Protein backbone atom coordinates (compact mmCIF):
# COMPACT_ATOMS: atom_id res chain seq x y z
CA MET A 1 101.52 114.29 103.56
CA THR A 2 101.24 116.31 100.34
CA ILE A 3 99.60 114.77 97.29
CA SER A 4 99.90 116.38 93.87
CA ILE A 5 97.34 115.68 91.16
CA ASP A 6 98.03 116.50 87.52
CA TYR A 7 95.37 118.56 85.74
CA ASP A 8 95.23 117.56 82.04
CA ASN A 9 94.12 113.98 81.42
CA THR A 10 94.14 113.21 85.15
CA TRP A 11 91.89 115.70 86.98
CA THR A 12 90.01 116.31 83.74
CA ALA A 13 89.52 112.57 83.16
CA MET A 14 88.11 111.84 86.63
CA GLN A 15 87.07 115.17 88.06
CA ALA A 16 84.18 113.96 90.22
CA GLU A 17 86.12 111.02 91.65
CA LEU A 18 89.31 112.99 92.31
CA ASN A 19 87.31 115.81 93.85
CA MET A 20 85.83 113.37 96.39
CA PHE A 21 89.24 111.75 96.92
CA ALA A 22 90.89 115.14 97.50
CA LEU A 23 88.19 116.16 99.98
CA MET A 24 88.65 112.91 101.90
CA LEU A 25 92.42 113.46 102.01
CA LYS A 26 91.93 117.02 103.27
CA GLN A 27 89.51 115.86 105.97
CA VAL A 28 92.12 113.53 107.43
CA GLY A 29 94.81 116.21 107.41
CA HIS A 30 96.66 115.85 104.12
CA THR A 31 97.47 118.62 101.67
CA VAL A 32 96.28 118.31 98.07
CA ILE A 33 97.64 120.43 95.24
CA ILE A 34 97.22 120.50 91.48
CA THR A 35 100.51 120.66 89.58
CA THR A 36 100.29 121.24 85.85
CA CYS A 37 102.69 122.00 83.01
CA ARG A 38 100.37 124.79 81.89
CA ASN A 39 101.73 128.32 82.03
CA GLY A 40 98.68 129.67 83.83
CA TRP A 41 94.90 129.77 83.94
CA SER A 42 93.04 129.39 80.65
CA ASP A 43 89.33 129.69 79.92
CA ASP A 44 88.92 125.98 79.18
CA MET A 45 89.64 125.22 82.85
CA ILE A 46 86.13 126.43 83.71
CA PHE A 47 84.81 123.11 82.36
CA ASN A 48 86.83 121.08 84.90
CA PRO A 49 86.87 123.34 87.94
CA ILE A 50 89.15 122.85 90.90
CA PRO A 51 87.83 123.55 94.41
CA HIS A 52 89.01 126.91 95.73
CA TRP A 53 90.91 125.27 98.59
CA ILE A 54 93.23 123.30 96.26
CA PRO A 55 96.24 125.39 95.19
CA ILE A 56 97.22 125.21 91.53
CA ILE A 57 100.92 125.17 90.70
CA TYR A 58 101.67 126.16 87.11
CA ALA A 59 105.03 124.63 86.19
CA GLY A 60 105.17 125.89 82.60
CA SER A 61 108.42 124.63 81.10
CA ASN A 62 109.91 123.78 84.53
CA PHE A 63 109.85 120.36 86.14
CA LYS A 64 106.73 119.90 88.24
CA GLN A 65 108.74 118.92 91.31
CA LYS A 66 110.80 122.11 91.16
CA ALA A 67 107.70 124.26 90.59
CA ALA A 68 105.98 122.65 93.59
CA GLU A 69 109.07 123.12 95.78
CA ASP A 70 109.41 126.74 94.64
CA ALA A 71 105.79 127.24 95.74
CA GLY A 72 106.59 125.77 99.17
CA HIS A 73 105.30 122.20 98.73
CA LYS A 74 107.31 119.02 99.24
CA VAL A 75 105.22 116.47 97.39
CA ASP A 76 105.09 112.96 98.84
CA ILE A 77 102.78 111.36 96.25
CA TRP A 78 102.35 112.29 92.61
CA ILE A 79 99.18 111.32 90.75
CA ASP A 80 100.09 112.09 87.19
């Protein structure tokens, strides 16, 4: 199963908890991704880091679902 977590006001609001949650999901075989409407990396993201093993999908002005699919992910659960 693939679970997508939004970055702004989701990951950033509960970084420690979602980090533990994502690790638990990975350990039992699920895929976790971050899907954000940002256009790309920005310096402020250093304050709410994402583990290196979680891919970040930058949707920009596209729909998140399409951006995730274009990156090869069929998301089953969206945490947004």
